[in-house]
Protein backbone atom coordinates (compact mmCIF):
# COMPACT_ATOMS: atom_id res chain seq x y z
CA MET A 1 -7.77 8.59 27.54
CA SER A 2 -6.31 9.18 24.07
CA ASP A 3 -4.49 12.39 23.14
CA PHE A 4 -5.93 12.14 19.64
CA ASP A 5 -8.12 15.09 18.54
CA ALA A 6 -11.02 13.37 16.79
CA ALA A 7 -12.88 16.64 16.20
CA ALA A 8 -9.92 18.15 14.35
CA PHE A 9 -9.50 14.97 12.29
CA ARG A 10 -13.21 14.92 11.41
CA GLN A 11 -13.12 18.47 10.04
CA HIS A 12 -11.06 17.23 7.10
CA PHE A 13 -14.02 15.14 5.84
CA PRO A 14 -16.77 17.08 4.04
CA PHE A 15 -19.28 14.23 4.37
CA PHE A 16 -19.88 15.09 8.00
CA SER A 17 -20.78 18.70 7.30
CA THR A 18 -23.01 17.88 4.33
CA GLN A 19 -24.67 14.92 6.12
CA PRO A 20 -24.54 16.00 9.79
CA ASP A 21 -27.37 13.72 10.90
CA TRP A 22 -25.69 10.48 9.91
CA ILE A 23 -23.64 8.33 12.29
CA TYR A 24 -21.35 6.36 10.01
CA LEU A 25 -20.21 3.05 11.50
CA ASP A 26 -19.62 1.11 8.28
CA ASN A 27 -15.93 1.94 8.00
CA ALA A 28 -14.82 -1.66 7.47
CA ALA A 29 -16.77 -1.54 4.19
CA THR A 30 -15.37 1.81 3.07
CA THR A 31 -14.11 5.02 4.64
CA HIS A 32 -14.96 8.62 3.82
CA LYS A 33 -12.59 10.83 1.86
CA PRO A 34 -10.80 13.94 3.16
CA PHE A 35 -10.62 17.22 1.26
CA ALA A 36 -7.04 16.42 0.26
CA VAL A 37 -8.16 13.36 -1.72
CA LEU A 38 -11.14 15.07 -3.33
CA GLU A 39 -9.02 18.05 -4.33
CA ALA A 40 -6.31 15.82 -5.82
CA LEU A 41 -8.89 13.97 -7.93
CA ASP A 42 -10.60 17.17 -9.02
CA HIS A 43 -7.33 18.89 -9.91
CA PHE A 44 -6.15 15.96 -12.02
CA TYR A 45 -9.37 15.63 -13.99
CA ARG A 46 -9.83 19.36 -14.47
CA GLN A 47 -6.28 20.40 -15.30
CA GLN A 48 -4.00 17.40 -15.96
CA ASN A 49 -6.13 14.63 -17.43
CA SER A 50 -4.16 12.46 -19.84
CA ASN A 51 -3.02 8.88 -20.25
CA VAL A 52 0.31 7.73 -18.87
CA HIS A 53 3.54 6.37 -20.36
CA ARG A 54 2.51 6.52 -24.01
CA GLY A 55 2.16 10.18 -24.91
CA ALA A 56 4.79 12.48 -26.35
CA HIS A 57 2.94 15.59 -25.17
CA GLN A 58 3.46 17.42 -21.90
CA LEU A 59 0.08 16.49 -20.41
CA SER A 60 0.92 12.79 -20.71
CA GLN A 61 4.36 13.38 -19.25
CA THR A 62 2.80 15.21 -16.29
CA ALA A 63 0.26 12.42 -15.73
CA THR A 64 3.07 9.87 -15.85
CA ILE A 65 5.10 11.80 -13.26
CA LEU A 66 2.07 12.02 -10.95
CA TYR A 67 1.24 8.34 -11.39
CA GLU A 68 4.78 7.14 -10.73
CA ASP A 69 5.11 9.61 -7.85
CA ALA A 70 2.06 7.93 -6.31
CA ARG A 71 3.84 4.58 -6.63
CA SER A 72 6.91 5.98 -4.87
CA CYS A 73 4.72 7.50 -2.13
CA ILE A 74 3.19 4.10 -1.38
CA GLN A 75 6.57 2.39 -1.55
CA GLN A 76 7.90 4.76 1.09
CA TYR A 77 4.78 4.45 3.25
CA ILE A 78 5.00 0.66 3.52
CA ASN A 79 8.82 0.65 3.33
CA ALA A 80 9.08 -1.54 0.25
CA ALA A 81 12.56 -1.97 -1.23
CA GLU A 82 11.79 -0.16 -4.50
CA PRO A 83 8.86 1.42 -6.39
CA ALA A 84 8.69 -1.50 -8.84
CA GLU A 85 7.49 -3.72 -5.98
CA ILE A 86 4.25 -1.69 -5.89
CA ILE A 87 1.71 -3.03 -8.39
CA PHE A 88 -1.51 -1.06 -8.79
CA THR A 89 -4.68 -3.14 -8.94
CA SER A 90 -8.38 -2.36 -8.66
CA GLY A 91 -8.35 -3.52 -5.03
CA THR A 92 -7.48 -6.35 -2.66
CA THR A 93 -9.70 -8.84 -4.47
CA ALA A 94 -7.96 -8.17 -7.78
CA ALA A 95 -4.59 -8.55 -6.07
CA PHE A 96 -5.54 -11.97 -4.72
CA ASN A 97 -6.81 -13.11 -8.09
CA GLN A 98 -3.50 -12.07 -9.66
CA LEU A 99 -1.61 -13.98 -6.98
CA ALA A 100 -3.66 -17.17 -7.24
CA PHE A 101 -3.57 -17.16 -11.04
CA GLY A 102 0.07 -16.16 -11.19
CA LEU A 103 1.31 -18.74 -8.70
CA MET A 104 -0.82 -21.57 -10.06
CA HIS A 105 0.73 -21.11 -13.50
CA THR A 106 4.31 -20.99 -12.28
CA LEU A 107 5.35 -22.07 -8.77
CA LEU A 108 2.50 -24.40 -7.75
CA LYS A 109 1.99 -27.90 -9.08
CA ALA A 110 -0.29 -30.87 -8.43
CA GLY A 111 -0.03 -32.11 -4.85
CA ASP A 112 1.15 -28.76 -3.44
CA ARG A 113 -0.78 -27.18 -0.59
CA VAL A 114 -2.10 -23.67 0.08
CA LEU A 115 -2.94 -22.83 3.69
CA ILE A 116 -5.50 -20.16 4.64
CA SER A 117 -7.50 -19.53 7.82
CA ALA A 118 -11.12 -19.76 8.93
CA LEU A 119 -11.18 -15.96 9.34
CA GLU A 120 -10.61 -15.16 5.68
CA HIS A 121 -12.58 -12.88 3.40
CA HIS A 122 -13.96 -14.53 0.27
CA ALA A 123 -11.18 -12.88 -1.75
CA ASN A 124 -8.64 -15.10 0.00
CA ILE A 125 -10.79 -18.20 -0.43
CA VAL A 126 -12.49 -18.13 -3.83
CA SER A 127 -9.43 -16.87 -5.72
CA TRP A 128 -7.62 -20.09 -4.72
CA GLN A 129 -10.66 -22.33 -5.24
CA LEU A 130 -10.97 -21.16 -8.83
CA HIS A 131 -7.67 -22.89 -9.61
CA CYS A 132 -6.99 -25.52 -6.93
CA GLN A 133 -9.16 -28.31 -8.31
CA ARG A 134 -8.01 -27.72 -11.89
CA PHE A 135 -4.34 -27.83 -10.96
CA GLY A 136 -4.61 -30.51 -8.25
CA VAL A 137 -3.53 -28.13 -5.47
CA ILE A 138 -4.87 -28.82 -1.97
CA LEU A 139 -6.46 -25.98 0.05
CA ASP A 140 -6.14 -26.38 3.84
CA VAL A 141 -7.81 -24.22 6.51
CA ILE A 142 -6.60 -23.27 10.00
CA PRO A 143 -9.57 -23.83 12.36
CA LEU A 144 -10.80 -21.66 15.22
CA ASP A 145 -10.38 -22.45 18.89
CA GLU A 146 -13.14 -22.09 21.50
CA GLN A 147 -12.42 -18.36 21.86
CA ARG A 148 -12.92 -17.81 18.09
CA HIS A 149 -9.21 -17.17 17.61
CA LEU A 150 -7.11 -19.20 15.21
CA ASP A 151 -5.99 -22.50 16.72
CA GLN A 152 -2.22 -22.07 16.85
CA VAL A 153 -1.58 -25.72 17.72
CA ALA A 154 -3.57 -26.82 14.69
CA TYR A 155 -1.69 -24.24 12.61
CA GLN A 156 1.67 -25.73 13.52
CA GLU A 157 0.38 -29.21 12.67
CA LEU A 158 -0.81 -27.99 9.27
CA LEU A 159 2.60 -26.44 8.63
CA LYS A 160 4.11 -29.89 9.01
CA LEU A 161 2.27 -30.83 5.80
CA GLY A 162 4.62 -28.46 3.97
CA PRO A 163 2.31 -25.85 2.38
CA LYS A 164 3.86 -24.02 -0.55
CA VAL A 165 1.79 -20.89 0.24
CA VAL A 166 0.42 -19.52 3.53
CA SER A 167 -2.09 -16.71 2.96
CA LEU A 168 -3.52 -14.92 6.01
CA THR A 169 -5.62 -11.91 6.84
CA GLN A 170 -4.04 -9.30 9.08
CA VAL A 171 -7.36 -8.30 10.64
CA SER A 172 -10.64 -10.20 10.29
CA ASN A 173 -13.10 -8.02 8.39
CA ALA A 174 -15.97 -9.93 10.01
CA LEU A 175 -14.85 -9.93 13.66
CA GLY A 176 -12.08 -7.34 13.91
CA THR A 177 -9.67 -9.94 15.31
CA ILE A 178 -6.00 -8.95 14.99
CA LEU A 179 -3.92 -12.01 14.17
CA PRO A 180 -0.51 -12.63 15.79
CA LEU A 181 0.67 -12.05 12.25
CA GLN A 182 4.43 -11.76 12.50
CA GLN A 183 4.66 -14.86 14.68
CA MET A 184 2.54 -16.86 12.22
CA LEU A 185 4.44 -15.59 9.19
CA LEU A 186 7.81 -16.48 10.71
CA LEU A 187 6.58 -20.01 11.37
CA ALA A 188 5.38 -20.23 7.77
CA LYS A 189 8.72 -19.01 6.44
CA ALA A 190 10.52 -21.57 8.62
CA ALA A 191 8.33 -24.21 6.98
CA GLY A 192 9.44 -23.01 3.55
CA ALA A 193 6.21 -21.29 2.50
CA ILE A 194 5.59 -18.19 0.43
CA THR A 195 3.69 -15.79 2.68
CA ILE A 196 0.78 -13.57 1.65
CA VAL A 197 -1.08 -11.02 3.80
CA ASP A 198 -4.55 -9.62 3.26
CA GLY A 199 -4.05 -6.10 4.60
CA ALA A 200 -7.45 -4.71 3.55
CA GLN A 201 -8.43 -4.04 7.17
CA GLY A 202 -4.95 -4.04 8.65
CA ILE A 203 -3.72 -1.10 6.55
CA ALA A 204 -6.10 1.21 8.47
CA TRP A 205 -5.02 -0.25 11.80
CA GLU A 206 -1.26 0.13 11.58
CA LYS A 207 1.37 1.20 9.10
CA PRO A 208 3.09 -1.92 7.72
CA ASP A 209 6.86 -2.20 7.28
CA MET A 210 7.82 -4.54 4.47
CA GLN A 211 11.42 -4.67 5.65
CA GLN A 212 10.27 -6.06 9.01
CA LEU A 213 7.09 -8.01 8.25
CA ALA A 214 7.83 -11.58 7.12
CA ALA A 215 5.49 -11.22 4.13
CA ASP A 216 6.40 -11.96 0.54
CA PHE A 217 3.19 -10.29 -0.66
CA TYR A 218 0.87 -7.72 0.96
CA CYS A 219 -2.47 -6.61 -0.54
CA PHE A 220 -4.71 -3.67 0.34
CA SER A 221 -7.44 -1.40 -1.06
CA GLY A 222 -7.29 2.38 -1.20
CA HIS A 223 -10.87 2.98 -0.13
CA LYS A 224 -10.24 1.40 3.29
CA LEU A 225 -7.58 4.07 3.88
CA TYR A 226 -9.59 7.22 3.04
CA GLY A 227 -8.62 6.93 -0.63
CA PRO A 228 -10.74 6.37 -3.77
CA THR A 229 -12.56 3.18 -4.66
CA GLY A 230 -11.28 1.11 -7.56
CA ILE A 231 -7.60 1.37 -6.63
CA GLY A 232 -5.52 -1.09 -4.65
CA VAL A 233 -1.99 -2.32 -4.18
CA LEU A 234 -0.25 -5.65 -4.60
CA TYR A 235 3.14 -5.41 -2.92
CA GLY A 236 5.56 -8.22 -3.62
CA LYS A 237 9.23 -8.98 -3.40
CA ARG A 238 10.72 -8.40 -6.85
CA THR A 239 12.02 -11.96 -7.30
CA LEU A 240 8.55 -13.37 -6.67
CA LEU A 241 6.63 -10.76 -8.65
CA GLU A 242 8.79 -11.62 -11.64
CA GLN A 243 7.66 -15.24 -11.39
CA LEU A 244 3.94 -14.45 -11.51
CA THR A 245 2.14 -15.19 -14.73
CA PRO A 246 0.15 -12.02 -15.58
CA ILE A 247 -3.60 -12.48 -15.29
CA PHE A 248 -4.28 -9.75 -17.86
CA GLY A 249 -2.57 -9.22 -21.19
CA GLY A 250 -2.30 -6.25 -23.52
CA GLY A 251 -1.27 -2.63 -23.52
CA GLU A 252 1.76 -1.50 -21.58
CA MET A 253 2.52 -4.90 -20.04
CA ILE A 254 4.15 -6.19 -23.22
CA ASP A 255 7.67 -5.85 -24.57
CA HIS A 256 7.08 -7.30 -28.04
CA VAL A 257 4.01 -8.78 -29.75
CA SER A 258 3.70 -10.85 -32.92
CA PHE A 259 0.87 -13.06 -34.11
CA THR A 260 2.76 -16.11 -32.93
CA SER A 261 4.15 -15.05 -29.55
CA SER A 262 4.61 -12.20 -27.10
CA SER A 263 7.19 -11.21 -24.52
CA PHE A 264 6.42 -9.24 -21.36
CA ASN A 265 7.68 -5.91 -20.06
CA SER A 266 9.67 -5.47 -16.88
CA LEU A 267 8.08 -4.66 -13.50
CA PRO A 268 5.82 -2.96 -12.61
CA ALA A 269 4.33 -2.62 -16.13
CA ARG A 270 4.42 -6.43 -16.55
CA LEU A 271 1.52 -6.78 -14.09
CA GLU A 272 -0.41 -3.61 -15.01
CA ALA A 273 -2.14 -4.28 -18.32
CA GLY A 274 -4.24 -1.57 -19.92
CA THR A 275 -4.91 1.99 -18.88
CA PRO A 276 -4.57 2.14 -15.09
CA HIS A 277 -6.76 4.02 -12.62
CA ILE A 278 -4.48 7.05 -12.81
CA ALA A 279 -6.64 9.39 -10.74
CA GLY A 280 -7.18 6.61 -8.20
CA ALA A 281 -3.44 6.19 -7.69
CA ILE A 282 -3.01 9.94 -7.30
CA GLY A 283 -5.92 10.02 -4.84
CA LEU A 284 -4.48 7.13 -2.82
CA ALA A 285 -1.15 8.94 -2.56
CA ALA A 286 -3.04 12.03 -1.36
CA ALA A 287 -4.79 9.93 1.28
CA ILE A 288 -1.47 8.52 2.50
CA ARG A 289 0.11 11.97 2.68
CA PHE A 290 -2.94 13.22 4.59
CA LEU A 291 -2.85 10.32 7.05
CA SER A 292 0.89 10.72 7.57
CA GLN A 293 0.22 14.02 9.37
CA PHE A 294 -1.27 12.12 12.31
CA ASP A 295 0.22 9.92 15.00
CA VAL A 296 -0.69 6.30 14.26
CA THR A 297 -0.24 5.29 17.90
CA GLN A 298 -2.68 7.97 19.03
CA ILE A 299 -5.21 6.87 16.40
CA LYS A 300 -4.97 3.26 17.56
CA SER A 301 -5.42 4.33 21.16
CA TYR A 302 -8.48 6.40 20.25
CA LYS A 303 -10.05 3.54 18.30
CA ARG A 304 -9.55 1.32 21.34
CA LEU A 305 -11.40 3.93 23.41
CA LEU A 306 -14.33 3.85 20.99
CA LEU A 307 -14.29 0.06 21.02
CA ASN A 308 -14.16 -0.21 24.82
CA THR A 309 -16.95 2.34 25.25
CA PHE A 310 -19.15 0.41 22.86
CA HIS A 311 -18.36 -2.96 24.44
CA ASN A 312 -19.09 -1.63 27.93
CA GLY A 313 -22.43 -0.23 26.80
CA LEU A 314 -23.43 -3.51 25.18
CA GLN A 315 -23.15 -5.24 28.53
CA ARG A 316 -26.31 -3.38 29.60
CA LEU A 317 -28.41 -4.72 26.72
CA PRO A 318 -30.30 -8.02 27.10
CA GLY A 319 -30.20 -10.70 24.42
CA ILE A 320 -27.09 -9.41 22.61
CA THR A 321 -24.50 -11.95 21.46
CA VAL A 322 -21.14 -10.38 20.63
CA PHE A 323 -18.90 -12.40 18.30
CA SER A 324 -15.94 -10.04 18.25
CA PRO A 325 -13.17 -10.11 20.87
CA LEU A 326 -12.66 -7.10 23.11
CA HIS A 327 -8.89 -7.50 23.09
CA ASP A 328 -6.75 -7.85 19.96
CA ASN A 329 -9.45 -6.02 18.03
CA ALA A 330 -8.89 -3.33 15.37
CA GLY A 331 -12.20 -1.55 15.96
CA ILE A 332 -14.92 -3.88 14.65
CA VAL A 333 -17.82 -5.27 16.68
CA THR A 334 -20.09 -7.93 15.19
CA LEU A 335 -23.19 -8.93 17.11
CA ASN A 336 -26.67 -10.39 16.96
CA LEU A 337 -29.87 -9.90 18.91
CA GLN A 338 -31.26 -13.22 20.07
CA GLY A 339 -34.11 -14.47 17.89
CA GLU A 340 -33.94 -11.58 15.42
CA HIS A 341 -32.62 -11.41 11.87
CA PRO A 342 -29.56 -9.13 11.52
CA ALA A 343 -31.23 -7.21 8.70
CA ASP A 344 -34.12 -6.22 10.98
CA LEU A 345 -31.80 -4.73 13.56
CA ALA A 346 -29.80 -2.90 10.89
CA ALA A 347 -33.03 -1.53 9.38
CA LEU A 348 -34.11 -0.06 12.71
CA LEU A 349 -30.73 1.60 13.11
CA ASN A 350 -30.99 2.94 9.56
CA GLU A 351 -34.26 4.64 10.52
CA GLN A 352 -32.21 6.61 13.05
CA GLN A 353 -29.56 7.33 10.39
CA ILE A 354 -26.96 5.00 11.83
CA ALA A 355 -25.03 3.27 9.06
CA VAL A 356 -24.00 -0.31 9.86
CA ARG A 357 -23.74 -3.48 7.82
CA ALA A 358 -25.74 -6.70 8.20
CA GLY A 359 -25.09 -10.10 6.64
CA LYS A 360 -22.21 -12.55 6.35
CA HIS A 361 -19.63 -9.88 5.47
CA CYS A 362 -17.99 -11.86 2.65
CA ALA A 363 -17.07 -14.52 5.21
CA MET A 364 -19.73 -17.21 4.72
CA PRO A 365 -17.55 -20.12 5.89
CA LEU A 366 -16.79 -18.28 9.13
CA PHE A 367 -20.46 -17.69 9.90
CA GLU A 368 -21.21 -21.34 9.19
CA LEU A 369 -18.64 -22.19 11.87
CA LEU A 370 -20.29 -19.67 14.19
CA ALA A 371 -23.65 -21.36 13.46
CA THR A 372 -25.42 -18.12 12.65
CA ALA A 373 -27.11 -16.75 9.54
CA GLY A 374 -25.12 -13.54 9.76
CA ALA A 375 -24.57 -10.60 12.08
CA VAL A 376 -24.65 -6.81 12.38
CA ARG A 377 -21.25 -5.16 12.09
CA PHE A 378 -20.22 -1.86 13.68
CA SER A 379 -16.83 -0.57 12.57
CA PHE A 380 -15.13 2.53 13.94
CA ALA A 381 -12.82 5.14 12.44
CA PRO A 382 -10.94 8.04 14.07
CA TYR A 383 -13.50 10.56 12.81
CA ASN A 384 -16.19 8.91 14.97
CA HIS A 385 -17.00 10.66 18.27
CA ILE A 386 -17.61 9.08 21.66
CA SER A 387 -21.00 10.84 21.58
CA GLU A 388 -21.85 8.86 18.44
CA VAL A 389 -21.08 5.62 20.26
CA GLU A 390 -23.48 6.68 23.02
CA GLN A 391 -26.16 7.60 20.46
CA CYS A 392 -25.69 4.22 18.82
CA LEU A 393 -26.09 2.44 22.16
CA ASN A 394 -29.29 4.40 22.82
CA ALA A 395 -30.60 3.47 19.38
CA LEU A 396 -29.73 -0.18 20.02
CA THR A 397 -31.61 -0.04 23.32
CA GLN A 398 -34.70 1.24 21.51
CA ALA A 399 -34.32 -1.36 18.77
CA VAL A 400 -34.09 -4.17 21.33
CA GLU A 401 -37.28 -2.92 22.98
CA ILE A 402 -39.13 -2.65 19.65
CA LEU A 403 -38.11 -6.12 18.48
CA ALA A 404 -38.94 -7.65 21.86
CA SER A 405 -42.47 -6.18 21.91
């Protein structure tokens, strides 16, 4: 059993008191927001609203302090070397597009290789595809083994091809699989590659340490970590961030502009064109401070309890195919009911006010490999109760009976 107090954690989230009949199991898509985040957003917009960096007045100076304090908060949370290594983006997808664009225009050249995996979200596929053909860069993919884990033998063979970039998810958003990330990153570094991590799901699983993790870049979204939507982080080592060509131009990212040429500002402004999501950054910092009150190890243990309870209950249901692993799983279960479309199963659960997600989960190539049109995804958070897992299993039992009749 976990020592984590899920009931006490849940009380911080107003959604569950205003919508008490809903069982929310779509946490891999987005998480709910605690009072601390909502209050930080409300306070900023009501009493401190102003633009950052440019104003001579006190309101602007206050907004700037809050915005840069949020950057420092995140730097400390992930143990980056300095605040300037934290670049605010609109989310993980925006971070990957900046990386692909920035590296293609500087460090990558025709004939170079980028290596990703079969478990990747579209953000870590399409962002590279947009540029690879144009620049003559080759995109390689680590295949799956028979257990739907990444084939580590094939990975080491692909590393022998000398990829310039290795870009990997930390946790599969479609299956919940936790990669042996540090081991794979160290192998990539030994092969001379720049290493990138998609931490969109991993950031809610464990607190990363950029002084220990062998990652040159790490990307995540605030809304997966109880923060606002529309805010994300691109962490990068300073020397590499400085080599990225900015994807956006204008505003605070410039040092000098003429009609014939422009020069860029120093980090982090160099990669943050235009007015940033100031309130979003403040809200993300509030989410991190809120989460820091709790024991991460206890939260992980509790999520494993939810996962194991759900897996055990699924064993009693006929016709269910589970794609997600039980072990090395961050709290996501993806499944199908034999002969039924995923959307039909999700619709029946919706009728009982159980929120899940159905489809290909922004991982179309993965589901092609799995030879299925999609799946229903259940994703757990520490504010979920064991009783909700049992209610979900009962609802699944009823849905199976209805669809079988």
